[in-house]
Amino acid sequence: MSILAPDTDPLLARPNADRLAYATGMLLDAQDFSDEQTYHRGRLARALAFLAGPGTLAGLRVEHVPGSATQVEEIRVQPGLAVDRLGRLIELPRPACLRLPRWFEALAPTVDNGGSVPLQASYDDVSGFVSPRFTASGTALPARALVADVFLRFVACPRGLTPSFAQGPFDALNAVSVARLRDAYELQLIARPGLDTGYDGLPLPPGGAALGDATATPQARRDALQDAVLLGWSASGHAGGAGEDGGLEPAPEHPAALADHSAVFLARVLLPVDGATPPARTDALPLVDNWGRRFLPPAALFAQWAGS
C-alpha cells in the first residue's frame, strides 16, 4: 500500500478555523469540499491534542517474538489506538511487526557524526534508560545493549480510483483521481545514540514533579496543575513556526533521526550486543520496556481509580 507525502495533509499547516458559508446557487469545487473536511478534522484534532495529549489510548503493547524455523524474529505491536502530537488518531486494526534481523543488518553500516550508529547507540549500563516500572520489575539487564525506540506515525494511503476531469494542461477522456484516503500508520524502530545520565530520551511528564508526588501537599499539587495548564500551549510544541511537520518543535523523546515530530513514542527495545566495532548481537533475547510511554486512560478508569 502506497502512502502520500507527509506534507500533503492540510492539518500540518495548522489551518485557521474558517468554516464554509453556503448560499443558494453558490458554485462549489473540490477545494471547497476539502476545506470543509479540513475544518472538522482540524477542530477534532485540536481538541484531542490538548484534552488527551499525545500518547496511547488503548492497546499497542510492543512485544519481542523470537525467531524459529517457521517464524522470523520480530518486534510486534498489538492492535490499538493512539493520538499523535497534532491530535490525529492513529489506529492499528491488527498486529504489525518490524523484522529485527533485517533492521539490524541495515543499521550496521550507518554512520552519523563521523561514527558508527550501532556503536554510538550501545551502552554498558542501560539501567538509567528504562522506566521506573521496568526497573521495579527486577528484570535482569544485559551487560551491554543497543538502545532503540519504537515510534508510531500517522500516514494517509490513497485507495481506489474514480473517473474525473483531467488536471493541468492535459486533454484526456480517461482521467482518474484517487477516490478515498485511508487514515493509516507507519512503525519506525530508531537507534538512540547520545543518551547519558542527563538525558534518557524518554517522554517527560506533562506537569511538574509535585503533580504526581503523593507526598506533596494539596496546595503544591494544585499549583503544579494550574501551572501545567497555563504553560500547556508553549510546552506542547505547537508554538513553533510553519513547516512540513506543522511547525512542531521536537519532543524530548524524539531523536535527531526522526523526521516526523508528530510521531508517538511506544516502547524502548534493548538488544544485547558484544563489545566489537561495530557491535554484533549476542544470543540473549531483546527486552522491551512498554512503560516509558505516555498513557491516556479513559474517564472510566479514572473513576474506578477514585473508588466510584
C-alpha atoms as a PDB file:
ATOM      1  CA  MET A   1       0.000   0.000   0.000  1.00  0.00           C
ATOM      2  CA  SER A   2       1.440   3.363  -1.029  1.00  0.00           C
ATOM      3  CA  ILE A   3       1.412   6.398   1.253  1.00  0.00           C
ATOM      4  CA  LEU A   4       1.091  10.075   0.440  1.00  0.00           C
ATOM      5  CA  ALA A   5       3.910  12.505   1.142  1.00  0.00           C
ATOM      6  CA  PRO A   6       3.591  13.702   4.765  1.00  0.00           C
ATOM      7  CA  ASP A   7       3.270  17.354   3.767  1.00  0.00           C
ATOM      8  CA  THR A   8       0.054  16.687   1.795  1.00  0.00           C
ATOM      9  CA  ASP A   9      -2.066  16.584   4.964  1.00  0.00           C
ATOM     10  CA  PRO A  10      -3.609  20.078   5.342  1.00  0.00           C
ATOM     11  CA  LEU A  11      -3.560  19.721   9.136  1.00  0.00           C
ATOM     12  CA  LEU A  12       0.226  20.092   9.062  1.00  0.00           C
ATOM     13  CA  ALA A  13      -0.207  23.752   8.110  1.00  0.00           C
ATOM     14  CA  ARG A  14      -2.386  24.268  11.217  1.00  0.00           C
ATOM     15  CA  PRO A  15      -5.158  25.930   9.145  1.00  0.00           C
ATOM     16  CA  ASN A  16      -7.283  28.733  10.519  1.00  0.00           C
ATOM     17  CA  ALA A  17     -10.698  27.767  11.899  1.00  0.00           C
ATOM     18  CA  ASP A  18     -12.574  29.007   8.810  1.00  0.00           C
ATOM     19  CA  ARG A  19     -15.942  27.354   8.110  1.00  0.00           C
ATOM     20  CA  LEU A  20     -17.561  27.437   4.698  1.00  0.00           C
ATOM     21  CA  ALA A  21     -20.527  29.813   4.401  1.00  0.00           C
ATOM     22  CA  TYR A  22     -23.067  28.366   1.978  1.00  0.00           C
ATOM     23  CA  ALA A  23     -25.675  30.189  -0.104  1.00  0.00           C
ATOM     24  CA  THR A  24     -28.301  29.036  -2.604  1.00  0.00           C
ATOM     25  CA  GLY A  25     -26.822  28.963  -6.095  1.00  0.00           C
ATOM     26  CA  MET A  26     -23.192  29.038  -4.912  1.00  0.00           C
ATOM     27  CA  LEU A  27     -20.715  27.266  -7.158  1.00  0.00           C
ATOM     28  CA  LEU A  28     -18.546  24.738  -5.303  1.00  0.00           C
ATOM     29  CA  ASP A  29     -15.434  22.897  -6.412  1.00  0.00           C
ATOM     30  CA  ALA A  30     -13.248  20.138  -4.945  1.00  0.00           C
ATOM     31  CA  GLN A  31     -11.255  22.627  -2.854  1.00  0.00           C
ATOM     32  CA  ASP A  32     -14.406  23.746  -1.050  1.00  0.00           C
ATOM     33  CA  PHE A  33     -15.242  20.185  -0.004  1.00  0.00           C
ATOM     34  CA  SER A  34     -11.620  19.612   1.023  1.00  0.00           C
ATOM     35  CA  ASP A  35     -11.748  22.779   3.144  1.00  0.00           C
ATOM     36  CA  GLU A  36     -14.961  21.530   4.794  1.00  0.00           C
ATOM     37  CA  GLN A  37     -13.239  18.267   5.762  1.00  0.00           C
ATOM     38  CA  THR A  38     -10.161  20.123   6.959  1.00  0.00           C
ATOM     39  CA  TYR A  39     -12.219  22.351   9.256  1.00  0.00           C
ATOM     40  CA  HIS A  40     -13.886  19.420  11.039  1.00  0.00           C
ATOM     41  CA  ARG A  41     -10.698  17.326  11.131  1.00  0.00           C
ATOM     42  CA  GLY A  42      -8.750  20.303  12.444  1.00  0.00           C
ATOM     43  CA  ARG A  43     -11.169  21.117  15.259  1.00  0.00           C
ATOM     44  CA  LEU A  44     -11.317  17.479  16.397  1.00  0.00           C
ATOM     45  CA  ALA A  45      -7.535  17.134  16.224  1.00  0.00           C
ATOM     46  CA  ARG A  46      -7.014  20.343  18.184  1.00  0.00           C
ATOM     47  CA  ALA A  47      -9.364  19.115  20.922  1.00  0.00           C
ATOM     48  CA  LEU A  48      -7.679  15.712  21.145  1.00  0.00           C
ATOM     49  CA  ALA A  49      -4.188  17.232  21.135  1.00  0.00           C
ATOM     50  CA  PHE A  50      -4.888  19.352  24.216  1.00  0.00           C
ATOM     51  CA  LEU A  51      -7.559  17.310  26.031  1.00  0.00           C
ATOM     52  CA  ALA A  52      -5.753  13.969  25.759  1.00  0.00           C
ATOM     53  CA  GLY A  53      -2.300  14.892  24.534  1.00  0.00           C
ATOM     54  CA  PRO A  54      -0.030  12.605  22.512  1.00  0.00           C
ATOM     55  CA  GLY A  55       0.140   9.033  23.724  1.00  0.00           C
ATOM     56  CA  THR A  56      -1.564   5.652  23.902  1.00  0.00           C
ATOM     57  CA  LEU A  57      -5.357   5.471  24.265  1.00  0.00           C
ATOM     58  CA  ALA A  58      -5.700   1.676  24.130  1.00  0.00           C
ATOM     59  CA  GLY A  59      -3.624  -1.365  23.256  1.00  0.00           C
ATOM     60  CA  LEU A  60      -0.377  -1.023  21.262  1.00  0.00           C
ATOM     61  CA  ARG A  61       1.648  -3.310  23.527  1.00  0.00           C
ATOM     62  CA  VAL A  62       5.082  -3.916  21.987  1.00  0.00           C
ATOM     63  CA  GLU A  63       6.487  -7.455  22.203  1.00  0.00           C
ATOM     64  CA  HIS A  64       9.553  -9.351  21.075  1.00  0.00           C
ATOM     65  CA  VAL A  65       8.769 -12.507  19.102  1.00  0.00           C
ATOM     66  CA  PRO A  66      11.755 -14.906  18.989  1.00  0.00           C
ATOM     67  CA  GLY A  67      12.762 -16.432  15.677  1.00  0.00           C
ATOM     68  CA  SER A  68      12.216 -20.093  14.864  1.00  0.00           C
ATOM     69  CA  ALA A  69      12.103 -22.422  11.881  1.00  0.00           C
ATOM     70  CA  THR A  70       8.663 -21.055  10.986  1.00  0.00           C
ATOM     71  CA  GLN A  71       8.840 -17.561  12.482  1.00  0.00           C
ATOM     72  CA  VAL A  72      11.055 -14.588  11.628  1.00  0.00           C
ATOM     73  CA  GLU A  73      12.308 -12.756  14.724  1.00  0.00           C
ATOM     74  CA  GLU A  74      10.336  -9.536  15.035  1.00  0.00           C
ATOM     75  CA  ILE A  75       9.200  -6.667  17.188  1.00  0.00           C
ATOM     76  CA  ARG A  76       5.415  -6.944  17.186  1.00  0.00           C
ATOM     77  CA  VAL A  77       2.940  -4.187  18.057  1.00  0.00           C
ATOM     78  CA  GLN A  78      -0.515  -5.311  19.118  1.00  0.00           C
ATOM     79  CA  PRO A  79      -3.665  -3.563  17.804  1.00  0.00           C
ATOM     80  CA  GLY A  80      -4.629  -0.327  19.467  1.00  0.00           C
ATOM     81  CA  LEU A  81      -5.241   3.388  19.235  1.00  0.00           C
ATOM     82  CA  ALA A  82      -3.029   6.423  19.817  1.00  0.00           C
ATOM     83  CA  VAL A  83      -3.176  10.200  19.458  1.00  0.00           C
ATOM     84  CA  ASP A  84      -0.252  11.959  17.793  1.00  0.00           C
ATOM     85  CA  ARG A  85       1.060  15.426  18.675  1.00  0.00           C
ATOM     86  CA  LEU A  86      -1.234  17.082  16.118  1.00  0.00           C
ATOM     87  CA  GLY A  87      -4.260  15.334  17.629  1.00  0.00           C
ATOM     88  CA  ARG A  88      -4.736  12.847  14.802  1.00  0.00           C
ATOM     89  CA  LEU A  89      -5.980   9.367  15.717  1.00  0.00           C
ATOM     90  CA  ILE A  90      -3.667   6.520  14.708  1.00  0.00           C
ATOM     91  CA  GLU A  91      -5.269   3.084  14.737  1.00  0.00           C
ATOM     92  CA  LEU A  92      -3.678  -0.313  14.293  1.00  0.00           C
ATOM     93  CA  PRO A  93      -6.576  -2.639  13.416  1.00  0.00           C
ATOM     94  CA  ARG A  94      -4.355  -5.732  13.515  1.00  0.00           C
ATOM     95  CA  PRO A  95      -0.895  -6.703  14.809  1.00  0.00           C
ATOM     96  CA  ALA A  96       2.004  -5.072  12.978  1.00  0.00           C
ATOM     97  CA  CYS A  97       5.644  -6.084  13.012  1.00  0.00           C
ATOM     98  CA  LEU A  98       9.185  -4.920  12.388  1.00  0.00           C
ATOM     99  CA  ARG A  99      11.596  -7.672  11.293  1.00  0.00           C
ATOM    100  CA  LEU A 100      14.526  -7.381  13.663  1.00  0.00           C
ATOM    101  CA  PRO A 101      17.296  -9.203  11.693  1.00  0.00           C
ATOM    102  CA  ARG A 102      16.628  -7.094   8.596  1.00  0.00           C
ATOM    103  CA  TRP A 103      16.566  -3.880  10.663  1.00  0.00           C
ATOM    104  CA  PHE A 104      19.844  -4.701  12.444  1.00  0.00           C
ATOM    105  CA  GLU A 105      21.540  -5.661   9.174  1.00  0.00           C
ATOM    106  CA  ALA A 106      20.505  -2.320   7.609  1.00  0.00           C
ATOM    107  CA  LEU A 107      21.666  -0.392  10.687  1.00  0.00           C
ATOM    108  CA  ALA A 108      25.146  -1.926  10.834  1.00  0.00           C
ATOM    109  CA  PRO A 109      26.834   0.226   8.134  1.00  0.00           C
ATOM    110  CA  THR A 110      25.132   3.520   9.057  1.00  0.00           C
ATOM    111  CA  VAL A 111      27.302   6.422  10.185  1.00  0.00           C
ATOM    112  CA  ASP A 112      26.382   9.647  11.980  1.00  0.00           C
ATOM    113  CA  ASN A 113      28.668  12.452  13.185  1.00  0.00           C
ATOM    114  CA  GLY A 114      31.633  10.541  11.869  1.00  0.00           C
ATOM    115  CA  GLY A 115      30.962   7.405  13.926  1.00  0.00           C
ATOM    116  CA  SER A 116      29.116   4.112  13.716  1.00  0.00           C
ATOM    117  CA  VAL A 117      25.465   4.496  14.753  1.00  0.00           C
ATOM    118  CA  PRO A 118      25.244   0.972  16.260  1.00  0.00           C
ATOM    119  CA  LEU A 119      28.364   1.694  18.311  1.00  0.00           C
ATOM    120  CA  GLN A 120      27.103   5.090  19.495  1.00  0.00           C
ATOM    121  CA  ALA A 121      23.714   3.606  20.427  1.00  0.00           C
ATOM    122  CA  SER A 122      25.265   0.795  22.514  1.00  0.00           C
ATOM    123  CA  TYR A 123      25.812   1.268  26.260  1.00  0.00           C
ATOM    124  CA  ASP A 124      27.469  -0.734  29.021  1.00  0.00           C
ATOM    125  CA  ASP A 125      24.990   0.452  31.648  1.00  0.00           C
ATOM    126  CA  VAL A 126      21.366   0.860  30.476  1.00  0.00           C
ATOM    127  CA  SER A 127      19.801   1.000  33.944  1.00  0.00           C
ATOM    128  CA  GLY A 128      19.265   4.753  33.602  1.00  0.00           C
ATOM    129  CA  PHE A 129      17.488   4.413  30.247  1.00  0.00           C
ATOM    130  CA  VAL A 130      14.447   2.373  31.312  1.00  0.00           C
ATOM    131  CA  SER A 131      11.185   3.314  33.032  1.00  0.00           C
ATOM    132  CA  PRO A 132      10.706   3.090  36.823  1.00  0.00           C
ATOM    133  CA  ARG A 133       8.219   0.225  36.421  1.00  0.00           C
ATOM    134  CA  PHE A 134      10.687  -1.765  34.325  1.00  0.00           C
ATOM    135  CA  THR A 135      13.360  -1.191  36.961  1.00  0.00           C
ATOM    136  CA  ALA A 136      10.972  -2.248  39.749  1.00  0.00           C
ATOM    137  CA  SER A 137      10.142  -5.483  37.899  1.00  0.00           C
ATOM    138  CA  GLY A 138      13.627  -6.776  38.692  1.00  0.00           C
ATOM    139  CA  THR A 139      14.302  -7.866  35.113  1.00  0.00           C
ATOM    140  CA  ALA A 140      17.998  -8.593  34.649  1.00  0.00           C
ATOM    141  CA  LEU A 141      19.588  -6.095  32.274  1.00  0.00           C
ATOM    142  CA  PRO A 142      22.221  -7.127  29.711  1.00  0.00           C
ATOM    143  CA  ALA A 143      25.850  -6.202  30.330  1.00  0.00           C
ATOM    144  CA  ARG A 144      25.825  -4.228  27.095  1.00  0.00           C
ATOM    145  CA  ALA A 145      22.871  -3.325  24.895  1.00  0.00           C
ATOM    146  CA  LEU A 146      21.933  -1.332  21.822  1.00  0.00           C
ATOM    147  CA  VAL A 147      19.046   1.001  22.671  1.00  0.00           C
ATOM    148  CA  ALA A 148      16.306   1.573  20.074  1.00  0.00           C
ATOM    149  CA  ASP A 149      12.835   3.107  20.326  1.00  0.00           C
ATOM    150  CA  VAL A 150       9.574   2.199  18.589  1.00  0.00           C
ATOM    151  CA  PHE A 151       7.630   5.146  17.157  1.00  0.00           C
ATOM    152  CA  LEU A 152       4.196   5.255  15.534  1.00  0.00           C
ATOM    153  CA  ARG A 153       3.313   7.925  12.980  1.00  0.00           C
ATOM    154  CA  PHE A 154       0.198   8.941  11.046  1.00  0.00           C
ATOM    155  CA  VAL A 155       0.147   8.451   7.265  1.00  0.00           C
ATOM    156  CA  ALA A 156      -2.575   8.669   4.618  1.00  0.00           C
ATOM    157  CA  CYS A 157      -2.950   5.968   1.948  1.00  0.00           C
ATOM    158  CA  PRO A 158      -4.786   6.543  -1.359  1.00  0.00           C
ATOM    159  CA  ARG A 159      -7.459   3.917  -2.003  1.00  0.00           C
ATOM    160  CA  GLY A 160      -9.235   3.302  -5.308  1.00  0.00           C
ATOM    161  CA  LEU A 161      -9.637   5.413  -8.436  1.00  0.00           C
ATOM    162  CA  THR A 162     -12.650   7.155  -9.908  1.00  0.00           C
ATOM    163  CA  PRO A 163     -13.186   8.956 -13.258  1.00  0.00           C
ATOM    164  CA  SER A 164     -12.512  12.678 -13.141  1.00  0.00           C
ATOM    165  CA  PHE A 165     -11.663  15.636 -15.333  1.00  0.00           C
ATOM    166  CA  ALA A 166      -8.046  15.801 -16.455  1.00  0.00           C
ATOM    167  CA  GLN A 167      -5.903  18.101 -14.328  1.00  0.00           C
ATOM    168  CA  GLY A 168      -3.407  20.613 -15.732  1.00  0.00           C
ATOM    169  CA  PRO A 169      -2.507  21.061 -19.413  1.00  0.00           C
ATOM    170  CA  PHE A 170      -3.818  17.658 -20.454  1.00  0.00           C
ATOM    171  CA  ASP A 171      -6.555  16.538 -22.846  1.00  0.00           C
ATOM    172  CA  ALA A 172      -7.765  13.125 -21.742  1.00  0.00           C
ATOM    173  CA  LEU A 173     -11.090  11.314 -21.745  1.00  0.00           C
ATOM    174  CA  ASN A 174      -9.992   8.571 -19.343  1.00  0.00           C
ATOM    175  CA  ALA A 175      -8.549  10.664 -16.496  1.00  0.00           C
ATOM    176  CA  VAL A 176      -8.939   9.241 -12.999  1.00  0.00           C
ATOM    177  CA  SER A 177      -8.379  10.527  -9.480  1.00  0.00           C
ATOM    178  CA  VAL A 178      -7.939   8.960  -6.046  1.00  0.00           C
ATOM    179  CA  ALA A 179     -11.372   8.095  -4.643  1.00  0.00           C
ATOM    180  CA  ARG A 180     -10.566   7.644  -0.944  1.00  0.00           C
ATOM    181  CA  LEU A 181      -7.825   8.392   1.579  1.00  0.00           C
ATOM    182  CA  ARG A 182      -7.390   5.922   4.409  1.00  0.00           C
ATOM    183  CA  ASP A 183      -6.004   7.107   7.749  1.00  0.00           C
ATOM    184  CA  ALA A 184      -3.199   4.610   8.315  1.00  0.00           C
ATOM    185  CA  TYR A 185       0.081   4.242  10.224  1.00  0.00           C
ATOM    186  CA  GLU A 186       3.781   3.588   9.919  1.00  0.00           C
ATOM    187  CA  LEU A 187       6.037   1.964  12.514  1.00  0.00           C
ATOM    188  CA  GLN A 188       9.654   3.010  12.937  1.00  0.00           C
ATOM    189  CA  LEU A 189      12.423   1.490  15.056  1.00  0.00           C
ATOM    190  CA  ILE A 190      15.182   4.054  15.614  1.00  0.00           C
ATOM    191  CA  ALA A 191      18.540   3.563  17.327  1.00  0.00           C
ATOM    192  CA  ARG A 192      19.267   6.025  20.158  1.00  0.00           C
ATOM    193  CA  PRO A 193      22.825   7.390  20.261  1.00  0.00           C
ATOM    194  CA  GLY A 194      23.601  10.284  22.559  1.00  0.00           C
ATOM    195  CA  LEU A 195      21.896   9.083  25.740  1.00  0.00           C
ATOM    196  CA  ASP A 196      23.591   9.830  29.050  1.00  0.00           C
ATOM    197  CA  THR A 197      22.865  10.408  32.734  1.00  0.00           C
ATOM    198  CA  GLY A 198      21.318  13.801  31.949  1.00  0.00           C
ATOM    199  CA  TYR A 199      19.159  12.671  29.029  1.00  0.00           C
ATOM    200  CA  ASP A 200      17.423   9.289  28.890  1.00  0.00           C
ATOM    201  CA  GLY A 201      15.378  10.013  25.741  1.00  0.00           C
ATOM    202  CA  LEU A 202      12.059   9.030  27.342  1.00  0.00           C
ATOM    203  CA  PRO A 203       8.888  11.175  27.262  1.00  0.00           C
ATOM    204  CA  LEU A 204       8.634  13.744  30.026  1.00  0.00           C
ATOM    205  CA  PRO A 205       5.504  14.039  32.211  1.00  0.00           C
ATOM    206  CA  PRO A 206       3.142  16.857  31.157  1.00  0.00           C
ATOM    207  CA  GLY A 207       3.311  18.654  34.533  1.00  0.00           C
ATOM    208  CA  GLY A 208       5.687  19.442  37.376  1.00  0.00           C
ATOM    209  CA  ALA A 209       7.043  16.767  39.710  1.00  0.00           C
ATOM    210  CA  ALA A 210       4.643  17.751  42.517  1.00  0.00           C
ATOM    211  CA  LEU A 211       1.659  16.778  40.362  1.00  0.00           C
ATOM    212  CA  GLY A 212       2.464  13.092  40.665  1.00  0.00           C
ATOM    213  CA  ASP A 213       4.009  13.200  44.124  1.00  0.00           C
ATOM    214  CA  ALA A 214       1.684  11.557  46.645  1.00  0.00           C
ATOM    215  CA  THR A 215       3.664  13.139  49.495  1.00  0.00           C
ATOM    216  CA  ALA A 216       3.203  16.700  48.200  1.00  0.00           C
ATOM    217  CA  THR A 217       0.644  18.958  49.857  1.00  0.00           C
ATOM    218  CA  PRO A 218      -2.729  19.512  48.158  1.00  0.00           C
ATOM    219  CA  GLN A 219      -1.741  23.146  47.602  1.00  0.00           C
ATOM    220  CA  ALA A 220       1.508  22.154  45.871  1.00  0.00           C
ATOM    221  CA  ARG A 221      -0.304  19.697  43.619  1.00  0.00           C
ATOM    222  CA  ARG A 222      -2.974  22.299  42.822  1.00  0.00           C
ATOM    223  CA  ASP A 223      -0.294  24.831  41.946  1.00  0.00           C
ATOM    224  CA  ALA A 224       1.511  22.326  39.715  1.00  0.00           C
ATOM    225  CA  LEU A 225      -1.754  21.518  37.924  1.00  0.00           C
ATOM    226  CA  GLN A 226      -2.585  25.168  37.289  1.00  0.00           C
ATOM    227  CA  ASP A 227       0.944  25.923  36.110  1.00  0.00           C
ATOM    228  CA  ALA A 228       0.841  22.956  33.715  1.00  0.00           C
ATOM    229  CA  VAL A 229      -2.393  24.280  32.162  1.00  0.00           C
ATOM    230  CA  LEU A 230      -1.056  27.834  31.824  1.00  0.00           C
ATOM    231  CA  LEU A 231       2.158  26.548  30.236  1.00  0.00           C
ATOM    232  CA  GLY A 232       0.360  23.920  28.166  1.00  0.00           C
ATOM    233  CA  TRP A 233       0.393  25.836  24.890  1.00  0.00           C
ATOM    234  CA  SER A 234       4.118  26.597  24.751  1.00  0.00           C
ATOM    235  CA  ALA A 235       5.077  23.208  26.206  1.00  0.00           C
ATOM    236  CA  SER A 236       3.057  21.353  23.559  1.00  0.00           C
ATOM    237  CA  GLY A 237       5.372  22.367  20.723  1.00  0.00           C
ATOM    238  CA  HIS A 238       2.515  23.981  18.794  1.00  0.00           C
ATOM    239  CA  ALA A 239       4.064  27.397  19.283  1.00  0.00           C
ATOM    240  CA  GLY A 240       6.727  26.725  16.623  1.00  0.00           C
ATOM    241  CA  GLY A 241       6.753  28.106  13.089  1.00  0.00           C
ATOM    242  CA  ALA A 242       5.121  26.676   9.990  1.00  0.00           C
ATOM    243  CA  GLY A 243       6.798  23.664   8.423  1.00  0.00           C
ATOM    244  CA  GLU A 244       6.261  20.199   6.995  1.00  0.00           C
ATOM    245  CA  ASP A 245       5.516  18.827  10.456  1.00  0.00           C
ATOM    246  CA  GLY A 246       3.093  21.586  11.426  1.00  0.00           C
ATOM    247  CA  GLY A 247       5.816  23.700  12.985  1.00  0.00           C
ATOM    248  CA  LEU A 248       6.133  21.285  15.909  1.00  0.00           C
ATOM    249  CA  GLU A 249       9.289  21.518  17.932  1.00  0.00           C
ATOM    250  CA  PRO A 250      10.861  18.079  18.575  1.00  0.00           C
ATOM    251  CA  ALA A 251       9.584  16.440  21.744  1.00  0.00           C
ATOM    252  CA  PRO A 252      12.173  15.355  24.366  1.00  0.00           C
ATOM    253  CA  GLU A 253      11.769  11.739  23.251  1.00  0.00           C
ATOM    254  CA  HIS A 254      12.373  12.492  19.551  1.00  0.00           C
ATOM    255  CA  PRO A 255      15.851  11.589  18.260  1.00  0.00           C
ATOM    256  CA  ALA A 256      17.519  13.613  15.523  1.00  0.00           C
ATOM    257  CA  ALA A 257      16.955  10.729  13.087  1.00  0.00           C
ATOM    258  CA  LEU A 258      13.170  11.050  13.449  1.00  0.00           C
ATOM    259  CA  ALA A 259      11.944  13.481  10.793  1.00  0.00           C
ATOM    260  CA  ASP A 260       8.263  13.433  11.813  1.00  0.00           C
ATOM    261  CA  HIS A 261       7.891  15.421  15.045  1.00  0.00           C
ATOM    262  CA  SER A 262       4.243  14.380  15.372  1.00  0.00           C
ATOM    263  CA  ALA A 263       5.184  10.710  15.909  1.00  0.00           C
ATOM    264  CA  VAL A 264       4.212   8.895  19.120  1.00  0.00           C
ATOM    265  CA  PHE A 265       6.707   7.031  21.318  1.00  0.00           C
ATOM    266  CA  LEU A 266       5.563   3.460  22.087  1.00  0.00           C
ATOM    267  CA  ALA A 267       8.373   1.467  23.679  1.00  0.00           C
ATOM    268  CA  ARG A 268      12.099   1.057  24.231  1.00  0.00           C
ATOM    269  CA  VAL A 269      13.920  -2.034  22.964  1.00  0.00           C
ATOM    270  CA  LEU A 270      17.217  -3.254  24.458  1.00  0.00           C
ATOM    271  CA  LEU A 271      19.198  -5.514  22.123  1.00  0.00           C
ATOM    272  CA  PRO A 272      22.071  -7.329  23.874  1.00  0.00           C
ATOM    273  CA  VAL A 273      25.323  -6.821  21.912  1.00  0.00           C
ATOM    274  CA  ASP A 274      29.010  -7.548  22.343  1.00  0.00           C
ATOM    275  CA  GLY A 275      31.899  -5.092  22.565  1.00  0.00           C
ATOM    276  CA  ALA A 276      33.030  -5.411  18.935  1.00  0.00           C
ATOM    277  CA  THR A 277      33.174  -2.496  16.480  1.00  0.00           C
ATOM    278  CA  PRO A 278      30.560  -2.389  15.130  1.00  0.00           C
ATOM    279  CA  PRO A 279      28.754  -4.378  17.812  1.00  0.00           C
ATOM    280  CA  ALA A 280      27.205  -7.733  16.993  1.00  0.00           C
ATOM    281  CA  ARG A 281      24.170  -9.269  18.620  1.00  0.00           C
ATOM    282  CA  THR A 282      24.571 -11.930  21.264  1.00  0.00           C
ATOM    283  CA  ASP A 283      22.383 -14.969  21.904  1.00  0.00           C
ATOM    284  CA  ALA A 284      20.458 -13.177  24.681  1.00  0.00           C
ATOM    285  CA  LEU A 285      16.895 -12.147  23.866  1.00  0.00           C
ATOM    286  CA  PRO A 286      15.975  -8.470  23.442  1.00  0.00           C
ATOM    287  CA  LEU A 287      13.998  -6.768  26.203  1.00  0.00           C
ATOM    288  CA  VAL A 288      11.020  -4.463  25.642  1.00  0.00           C
ATOM    289  CA  ASP A 289      10.074  -1.651  28.040  1.00  0.00           C
ATOM    290  CA  ASN A 290       6.440  -0.630  27.432  1.00  0.00           C
ATOM    291  CA  TRP A 291       6.165   1.617  30.479  1.00  0.00           C
ATOM    292  CA  GLY A 292       8.058   4.737  29.425  1.00  0.00           C
ATOM    293  CA  ARG A 293       5.304   5.920  27.082  1.00  0.00           C
ATOM    294  CA  ARG A 294       2.510   8.369  27.844  1.00  0.00           C
ATOM    295  CA  PHE A 295      -0.736   6.620  28.751  1.00  0.00           C
ATOM    296  CA  LEU A 296      -4.091   8.332  28.080  1.00  0.00           C
ATOM    297  CA  PRO A 297      -6.576   6.424  30.284  1.00  0.00           C
ATOM    298  CA  PRO A 298     -10.320   6.946  29.701  1.00  0.00           C
ATOM    299  CA  ALA A 299     -12.547   8.620  32.266  1.00  0.00           C
ATOM    300  CA  ALA A 300     -13.985   5.249  33.373  1.00  0.00           C
ATOM    301  CA  LEU A 301     -10.544   4.121  34.577  1.00  0.00           C
ATOM    302  CA  PHE A 302     -10.072   7.375  36.499  1.00  0.00           C
ATOM    303  CA  ALA A 303     -13.492   6.878  38.096  1.00  0.00           C
ATOM    304  CA  GLN A 304     -12.543   3.351  39.197  1.00  0.00           C
ATOM    305  CA  TRP A 305      -9.192   4.632  40.488  1.00  0.00           C
ATOM    306  CA  ALA A 306     -11.058   7.241  42.540  1.00  0.00           C
ATOM    307  CA  GLY A 307     -13.251   4.499  44.025  1.00  0.00           C
ATOM    308  CA  SER A 308     -16.544   5.401  42.354  1.00  0.00           C
END
